[in-house]
Amino acid sequence: MSGKTPDLVWEADMPLFTRAMFWQWTGAMAATLVVVMLILVPIFASQGEWDALPPLMGMVSVGTGVLWALGFLIMALVFRGRLRMRYTLTGRGVVQETIDRTAKGANRLAILAGALGRSPQVLGSGLIAKSREREAVEWAMIARADDDPARHFITLRNSWRTLAWVQCTPENHALVLGRIRAALAANPAGGEATRPSPLPRYLGLSLLTVLACVPLFLLVEEFDLDLLVALLVLCFALATLWLIPLFGWVVLAGLGWMGLGLVLRLTEVRPSTLFPGRSYRGLDLLTDQDLGLLLMAALGAAFLVWLSLAALRGRLASMLVRDQA
């Protein structure tokens, strides 16, 4: 596409009840369920409450299913099954903007409700939705364009996932498709666009993160440490990997706090109940099992420190940062 070619701008109603939207929403809910399980299962397992896991998993699954159904109900009743969008084809790429008043109003209402109700989940959802009201994809990021002529719909993809959905009108579908194909021919994909999916690596690191946190929860039980701190370490370690690298500071602070608490427990002088007038230190009561647990916890903490420092120093980009890049 030459630099003199004028921008192509149009508006269209994107249908929400499509196969692509169904699988995207279903995938999002499935990912939510997996993340919740990754957080809850190690906690209950480390406490030895195996009997509580099946009913807990059932409750979480039912709750996720309700949210899944509620999402489609909102699409039908609130958004009337469509979303008004504006598209712009430029010399650099594709820009898509949500101009639907209902959607934009709902995003701002979520931000307000989250702030007033002190709900980080609602506030975060509103902020993320608002940040995605306008998105741009450069031509070099796109590996291919899949056309659905029956619905006047074009899917822009890299080597492993969908980057943007472009809803055309019956009148401009052929023109838009021609402009996109010409732009892709003039700007061949490279770099991230042609690399294989990074998901296996990030899922593997997530599993290692959970395994590294299991000994920390065992330390909580064995040495009476703060459970909330161990939970924060797990949550923010996963958030460091998937969302924002700066969360690594929280992981390091949590590990430091747990380490300090452990040192205090091991050096604490306590009176003996069997021998009046005598006392002992926590170190005196360590068994071989305790030493093995401390070694496992040290290895897990070392992995979490590596993960946090790699993210903070830019050697390991979070999935969200990599996606936005």
Protein backbone atom coordinates (compact mmCIF):
# COMPACT_ATOMS: atom_id res chain seq x y z
CA MET A 1 0.00 0.00 0.00
CA SER A 2 1.58 3.29 -1.02
CA GLY A 3 1.89 6.13 1.38
CA LYS A 4 -0.36 8.24 -0.89
CA THR A 5 -3.30 5.88 -0.60
CA PRO A 6 -5.99 7.62 1.47
CA ASP A 7 -7.17 6.03 4.71
CA LEU A 8 -10.27 3.90 4.45
CA VAL A 9 -12.77 4.53 7.27
CA TRP A 10 -16.14 2.91 7.89
CA GLU A 11 -18.50 1.83 10.65
CA ALA A 12 -20.21 -1.54 11.04
CA ASP A 13 -22.18 -3.61 13.53
CA MET A 14 -20.15 -6.62 14.67
CA PRO A 15 -22.44 -9.55 15.56
CA LEU A 16 -21.69 -11.02 18.97
CA PHE A 17 -23.33 -14.40 18.51
CA THR A 18 -20.77 -15.97 16.22
CA ARG A 19 -18.64 -19.10 16.44
CA ALA A 20 -15.49 -17.01 16.95
CA MET A 21 -17.05 -15.01 19.79
CA PHE A 22 -18.44 -18.19 21.38
CA TRP A 23 -15.03 -19.86 21.51
CA GLN A 24 -13.26 -16.71 22.68
CA TRP A 25 -15.66 -16.21 25.60
CA THR A 26 -15.61 -19.92 26.43
CA GLY A 27 -11.81 -19.92 26.35
CA ALA A 28 -11.67 -16.88 28.64
CA MET A 29 -13.93 -18.57 31.18
CA ALA A 30 -11.93 -21.81 30.96
CA ALA A 31 -8.72 -19.87 31.59
CA THR A 32 -10.36 -18.19 34.58
CA LEU A 33 -11.32 -21.58 36.00
CA VAL A 34 -7.78 -22.92 35.55
CA VAL A 35 -6.21 -19.89 37.25
CA VAL A 36 -8.56 -20.13 40.22
CA MET A 37 -7.77 -23.84 40.56
CA LEU A 38 -4.04 -23.15 40.37
CA ILE A 39 -4.41 -20.79 43.30
CA LEU A 40 -6.80 -22.77 45.49
CA VAL A 41 -5.60 -26.36 45.03
CA PRO A 42 -2.05 -25.82 46.41
CA ILE A 43 -3.45 -23.97 49.42
CA PHE A 44 -5.89 -26.72 50.45
CA ALA A 45 -3.49 -29.50 49.51
CA SER A 46 -0.69 -28.05 51.64
CA GLN A 47 -3.09 -27.85 54.58
CA GLY A 48 -3.98 -31.51 54.13
CA GLU A 49 -7.64 -30.69 53.41
CA TRP A 50 -8.01 -33.08 50.49
CA ASP A 51 -11.64 -33.83 51.34
CA ALA A 52 -12.54 -30.18 50.80
CA LEU A 53 -11.14 -30.08 47.26
CA PRO A 54 -13.90 -31.93 45.32
CA PRO A 55 -16.80 -29.76 46.64
CA LEU A 56 -14.65 -26.65 46.27
CA MET A 57 -13.81 -27.47 42.65
CA GLY A 58 -17.47 -28.16 42.02
CA MET A 59 -18.52 -24.78 43.46
CA VAL A 60 -15.89 -22.93 41.43
CA SER A 61 -16.92 -24.79 38.26
CA VAL A 62 -20.59 -23.96 38.81
CA GLY A 63 -19.73 -20.30 39.49
CA THR A 64 -17.66 -20.11 36.32
CA GLY A 65 -20.49 -21.70 34.36
CA VAL A 66 -22.93 -19.11 35.70
CA LEU A 67 -20.58 -16.32 34.62
CA TRP A 68 -20.25 -17.94 31.18
CA ALA A 69 -24.04 -18.01 30.75
CA LEU A 70 -24.39 -14.51 32.19
CA GLY A 71 -21.96 -13.19 29.59
CA PHE A 72 -24.16 -14.40 26.74
CA LEU A 73 -27.26 -13.08 28.50
CA ILE A 74 -25.67 -9.62 28.72
CA MET A 75 -24.70 -9.80 25.03
CA ALA A 76 -28.34 -10.53 24.17
CA LEU A 77 -30.18 -8.15 26.50
CA VAL A 78 -27.78 -5.23 26.98
CA PHE A 79 -25.92 -5.13 23.66
CA ARG A 80 -28.75 -6.60 21.57
CA GLY A 81 -26.39 -9.07 19.97
CA ARG A 82 -24.17 -6.53 18.22
CA LEU A 83 -21.38 -4.04 18.84
CA ARG A 84 -20.93 -0.84 16.85
CA MET A 85 -17.35 -0.50 15.62
CA ARG A 86 -15.30 1.95 13.56
CA TYR A 87 -12.44 0.69 11.39
CA THR A 88 -9.60 2.58 9.75
CA LEU A 89 -7.12 1.14 7.25
CA THR A 90 -3.97 3.24 7.13
CA GLY A 91 -0.55 2.87 5.60
CA ARG A 92 0.69 1.42 8.90
CA GLY A 93 -2.09 -1.01 9.77
CA VAL A 94 -5.62 -1.48 11.01
CA VAL A 95 -7.24 0.59 13.76
CA GLN A 96 -10.46 -0.63 15.37
CA GLU A 97 -12.49 1.47 17.78
CA THR A 98 -15.51 0.62 19.87
CA ILE A 99 -18.02 3.44 19.37
CA ASP A 100 -21.02 1.61 20.79
CA ARG A 101 -22.45 3.91 23.47
CA THR A 102 -23.79 1.06 25.55
CA ALA A 103 -20.41 -0.69 25.66
CA LYS A 104 -18.48 2.48 26.46
CA GLY A 105 -21.00 3.43 29.14
CA ALA A 106 -20.77 -0.04 30.69
CA ASN A 107 -16.97 0.20 30.84
CA ARG A 108 -17.07 3.54 32.66
CA LEU A 109 -19.81 2.31 34.97
CA ALA A 110 -17.65 -0.69 35.89
CA ILE A 111 -14.72 1.59 36.71
CA LEU A 112 -16.93 3.81 38.89
CA ALA A 113 -18.59 0.86 40.62
CA GLY A 114 -15.24 -0.78 41.27
CA ALA A 115 -13.78 2.41 42.73
CA LEU A 116 -16.80 3.18 44.93
CA GLY A 117 -17.28 -0.43 45.99
CA ARG A 118 -13.53 -0.97 46.54
CA SER A 119 -13.63 -3.99 44.25
CA PRO A 120 -10.30 -4.53 42.47
CA GLN A 121 -11.85 -7.18 40.20
CA VAL A 122 -14.60 -4.90 38.88
CA LEU A 123 -12.28 -1.90 38.65
CA GLY A 124 -9.63 -3.92 36.81
CA SER A 125 -12.18 -5.35 34.37
CA GLY A 126 -13.48 -1.88 33.60
CA LEU A 127 -10.00 -0.44 33.07
CA ILE A 128 -8.97 -3.31 30.78
CA ALA A 129 -12.16 -3.00 28.75
CA LYS A 130 -11.69 0.77 28.44
CA SER A 131 -8.07 0.36 27.34
CA ARG A 132 -9.24 -1.94 24.54
CA GLU A 133 -11.80 0.50 23.14
CA ARG A 134 -9.17 1.52 20.59
CA GLU A 135 -6.61 -0.97 19.29
CA ALA A 136 -4.18 -0.88 16.38
CA VAL A 137 -2.42 -3.71 14.57
CA GLU A 138 0.46 -3.00 12.21
CA TRP A 139 0.71 -4.84 8.91
CA ALA A 140 4.03 -6.49 9.78
CA MET A 141 2.37 -8.11 12.83
CA ILE A 142 -0.15 -9.95 10.61
CA ALA A 143 0.78 -13.30 9.08
CA ARG A 144 -2.47 -13.91 7.21
CA ALA A 145 -6.01 -12.67 6.64
CA ASP A 146 -8.86 -15.22 6.63
CA ASP A 147 -11.94 -14.13 4.72
CA ASP A 148 -15.55 -15.12 5.46
CA PRO A 149 -17.44 -13.69 2.47
CA ALA A 150 -20.83 -14.92 3.68
CA ARG A 151 -20.63 -12.65 6.74
CA HIS A 152 -18.37 -9.97 5.17
CA PHE A 153 -15.91 -10.78 7.95
CA ILE A 154 -12.09 -10.80 7.88
CA THR A 155 -9.93 -12.35 10.61
CA LEU A 156 -6.38 -11.04 10.97
CA ARG A 157 -3.97 -13.54 12.54
CA ASN A 158 -0.33 -14.04 13.34
CA SER A 159 1.17 -17.54 13.38
CA TRP A 160 -0.84 -18.72 16.38
CA ARG A 161 -3.71 -16.45 17.37
CA THR A 162 -6.27 -13.90 16.23
CA LEU A 163 -5.12 -10.27 16.31
CA ALA A 164 -8.27 -8.50 15.11
CA TRP A 165 -11.70 -9.09 13.64
CA VAL A 166 -12.70 -6.76 10.83
CA GLN A 167 -16.42 -6.51 10.13
CA CYS A 168 -17.08 -5.09 6.68
CA THR A 169 -20.31 -3.99 5.06
CA PRO A 170 -21.73 -5.70 1.95
CA GLU A 171 -20.76 -2.62 -0.05
CA ASN A 172 -17.10 -2.31 0.97
CA HIS A 173 -16.12 -5.94 1.67
CA ALA A 174 -14.31 -6.48 -1.63
CA LEU A 175 -12.52 -3.13 -1.36
CA VAL A 176 -11.37 -3.76 2.23
CA LEU A 177 -10.19 -7.29 1.44
CA GLY A 178 -8.20 -6.02 -1.54
CA ARG A 179 -6.57 -3.26 0.51
CA ILE A 180 -5.63 -5.70 3.30
CA ARG A 181 -4.12 -8.24 0.92
CA ALA A 182 -2.16 -5.53 -0.89
CA ALA A 183 -0.86 -4.18 2.43
CA LEU A 184 0.22 -7.64 3.61
CA ALA A 185 2.00 -8.28 0.32
CA ALA A 186 3.89 -4.98 0.68
CA ASN A 187 4.67 -5.57 4.38
CA PRO A 188 5.62 -9.24 4.87
CA ALA A 189 5.22 -10.54 8.40
CA GLY A 190 8.28 -11.11 10.54
CA GLY A 191 9.45 -11.39 14.14
CA GLU A 192 6.65 -12.17 16.58
CA ALA A 193 4.13 -12.60 13.77
CA THR A 194 5.83 -15.76 12.46
CA ARG A 195 7.06 -17.29 15.70
CA PRO A 196 5.32 -20.31 17.23
CA SER A 197 2.90 -19.92 20.09
CA PRO A 198 4.55 -18.87 23.37
CA LEU A 199 1.69 -20.41 25.37
CA PRO A 200 3.41 -23.77 26.07
CA ARG A 201 6.38 -21.97 27.61
CA TYR A 202 4.22 -19.70 29.77
CA LEU A 203 1.98 -22.57 30.85
CA GLY A 204 5.10 -24.54 31.81
CA LEU A 205 6.44 -21.61 33.81
CA SER A 206 3.04 -21.25 35.48
CA LEU A 207 3.13 -24.90 36.55
CA LEU A 208 6.68 -24.46 37.91
CA THR A 209 5.50 -21.34 39.77
CA VAL A 210 2.70 -23.25 41.46
CA LEU A 211 5.04 -26.12 42.36
CA ALA A 212 7.57 -23.63 43.76
CA CYS A 213 4.88 -22.17 46.03
CA VAL A 214 3.69 -25.50 47.44
CA PRO A 215 6.61 -25.75 49.96
CA LEU A 216 5.82 -22.19 51.07
CA PHE A 217 2.30 -23.23 52.06
CA LEU A 218 3.76 -26.24 53.86
CA LEU A 219 6.03 -23.83 55.77
CA VAL A 220 2.95 -21.87 56.80
CA GLU A 221 1.46 -25.00 58.34
CA GLU A 222 4.67 -26.29 59.90
CA PHE A 223 6.08 -23.04 61.34
CA ASP A 224 2.89 -21.02 61.86
CA LEU A 225 3.67 -18.34 59.27
CA ASP A 226 1.21 -15.92 57.66
CA LEU A 227 -0.97 -17.72 55.11
CA LEU A 228 -1.98 -14.45 53.44
CA VAL A 229 1.64 -13.65 52.56
CA ALA A 230 2.14 -17.06 50.93
CA LEU A 231 -1.09 -16.55 48.98
CA LEU A 232 0.07 -13.12 47.81
CA VAL A 233 3.38 -14.57 46.65
CA LEU A 234 1.56 -17.17 44.53
CA CYS A 235 -0.96 -14.71 43.05
CA PHE A 236 1.58 -12.01 42.27
CA ALA A 237 4.09 -14.50 40.86
CA LEU A 238 1.46 -15.65 38.36
CA ALA A 239 0.53 -12.00 37.71
CA THR A 240 4.21 -11.21 37.08
CA LEU A 241 4.33 -13.95 34.48
CA TRP A 242 1.06 -13.12 32.73
CA LEU A 243 0.28 -9.44 33.41
CA ILE A 244 2.75 -6.87 34.72
CA PRO A 245 6.48 -7.45 35.38
CA LEU A 246 6.51 -4.84 38.18
CA PHE A 247 4.50 -7.29 40.31
CA GLY A 248 7.83 -9.05 40.78
CA TRP A 249 8.63 -6.53 43.52
CA VAL A 250 5.63 -7.80 45.49
CA VAL A 251 6.87 -11.38 45.10
CA LEU A 252 10.34 -10.44 46.36
CA ALA A 253 8.87 -8.49 49.29
CA GLY A 254 6.58 -11.41 50.19
CA LEU A 255 9.45 -13.89 50.10
CA GLY A 256 11.54 -11.57 52.26
CA TRP A 257 8.72 -11.25 54.79
CA MET A 258 8.24 -15.01 54.94
CA GLY A 259 12.00 -15.51 55.32
CA LEU A 260 12.11 -13.04 58.18
CA GLY A 261 9.18 -14.76 59.89
CA LEU A 262 10.88 -18.13 59.49
CA VAL A 263 14.14 -16.86 61.00
CA LEU A 264 12.24 -15.46 63.98
CA ARG A 265 10.47 -18.79 64.49
CA LEU A 266 13.71 -20.77 64.31
CA THR A 267 15.60 -18.46 66.67
CA GLU A 268 12.73 -17.90 69.08
CA VAL A 269 13.52 -18.92 72.67
CA ARG A 270 10.65 -20.83 74.29
CA PRO A 271 10.32 -22.23 77.82
CA SER A 272 10.24 -25.99 78.09
CA THR A 273 7.03 -27.54 79.37
CA LEU A 274 8.77 -30.80 80.31
CA PHE A 275 11.77 -29.36 82.12
CA PRO A 276 10.96 -26.31 84.26
CA GLY A 277 13.61 -23.63 84.19
CA ARG A 278 14.98 -24.79 80.85
CA SER A 279 14.36 -23.31 77.42
CA TYR A 280 15.03 -24.19 73.81
CA ARG A 281 15.24 -22.57 70.40
CA GLY A 282 13.20 -23.52 67.37
CA LEU A 283 16.36 -24.81 65.70
CA ASP A 284 16.74 -27.41 68.42
CA LEU A 285 13.51 -29.14 67.38
CA LEU A 286 14.17 -29.43 63.65
CA THR A 287 13.72 -32.95 62.32
CA ASP A 288 15.04 -34.46 59.10
CA GLN A 289 11.59 -33.91 57.62
CA ASP A 290 11.74 -30.22 58.58
CA LEU A 291 15.18 -29.90 56.99
CA GLY A 292 13.89 -31.49 53.80
CA LEU A 293 10.97 -29.06 53.76
CA LEU A 294 13.30 -26.10 54.28
CA LEU A 295 15.46 -27.29 51.38
CA MET A 296 12.43 -27.62 49.09
CA ALA A 297 11.20 -24.18 50.14
CA ALA A 298 14.64 -22.70 49.45
CA LEU A 299 14.65 -24.18 45.95
CA GLY A 300 11.12 -22.91 45.31
CA ALA A 301 12.02 -19.44 46.61
CA ALA A 302 15.13 -19.42 44.40
CA PHE A 303 12.97 -20.09 41.33
CA LEU A 304 10.53 -17.33 42.32
CA VAL A 305 13.40 -14.90 42.85
CA TRP A 306 14.79 -15.78 39.41
CA LEU A 307 11.36 -15.33 37.83
CA SER A 308 10.83 -11.94 39.49
CA LEU A 309 14.29 -10.59 38.67
CA ALA A 310 14.07 -11.82 35.07
CA ALA A 311 10.75 -10.01 34.67
CA LEU A 312 11.94 -6.83 36.39
CA ARG A 313 15.13 -6.69 34.29
CA GLY A 314 13.24 -7.24 31.06
CA ARG A 315 14.69 -10.66 30.29
CA LEU A 316 11.27 -12.29 30.65
CA ALA A 317 8.35 -10.28 29.28
CA SER A 318 4.94 -11.01 30.72
CA MET A 319 2.38 -12.47 28.34
CA LEU A 320 0.35 -9.24 28.38
CA VAL A 321 3.39 -7.06 27.67
CA ARG A 322 4.49 -9.40 24.90
CA ASP A 323 1.00 -9.30 23.44
CA GLN A 324 0.77 -5.52 23.55
CA ALA A 325 4.24 -5.22 22.01
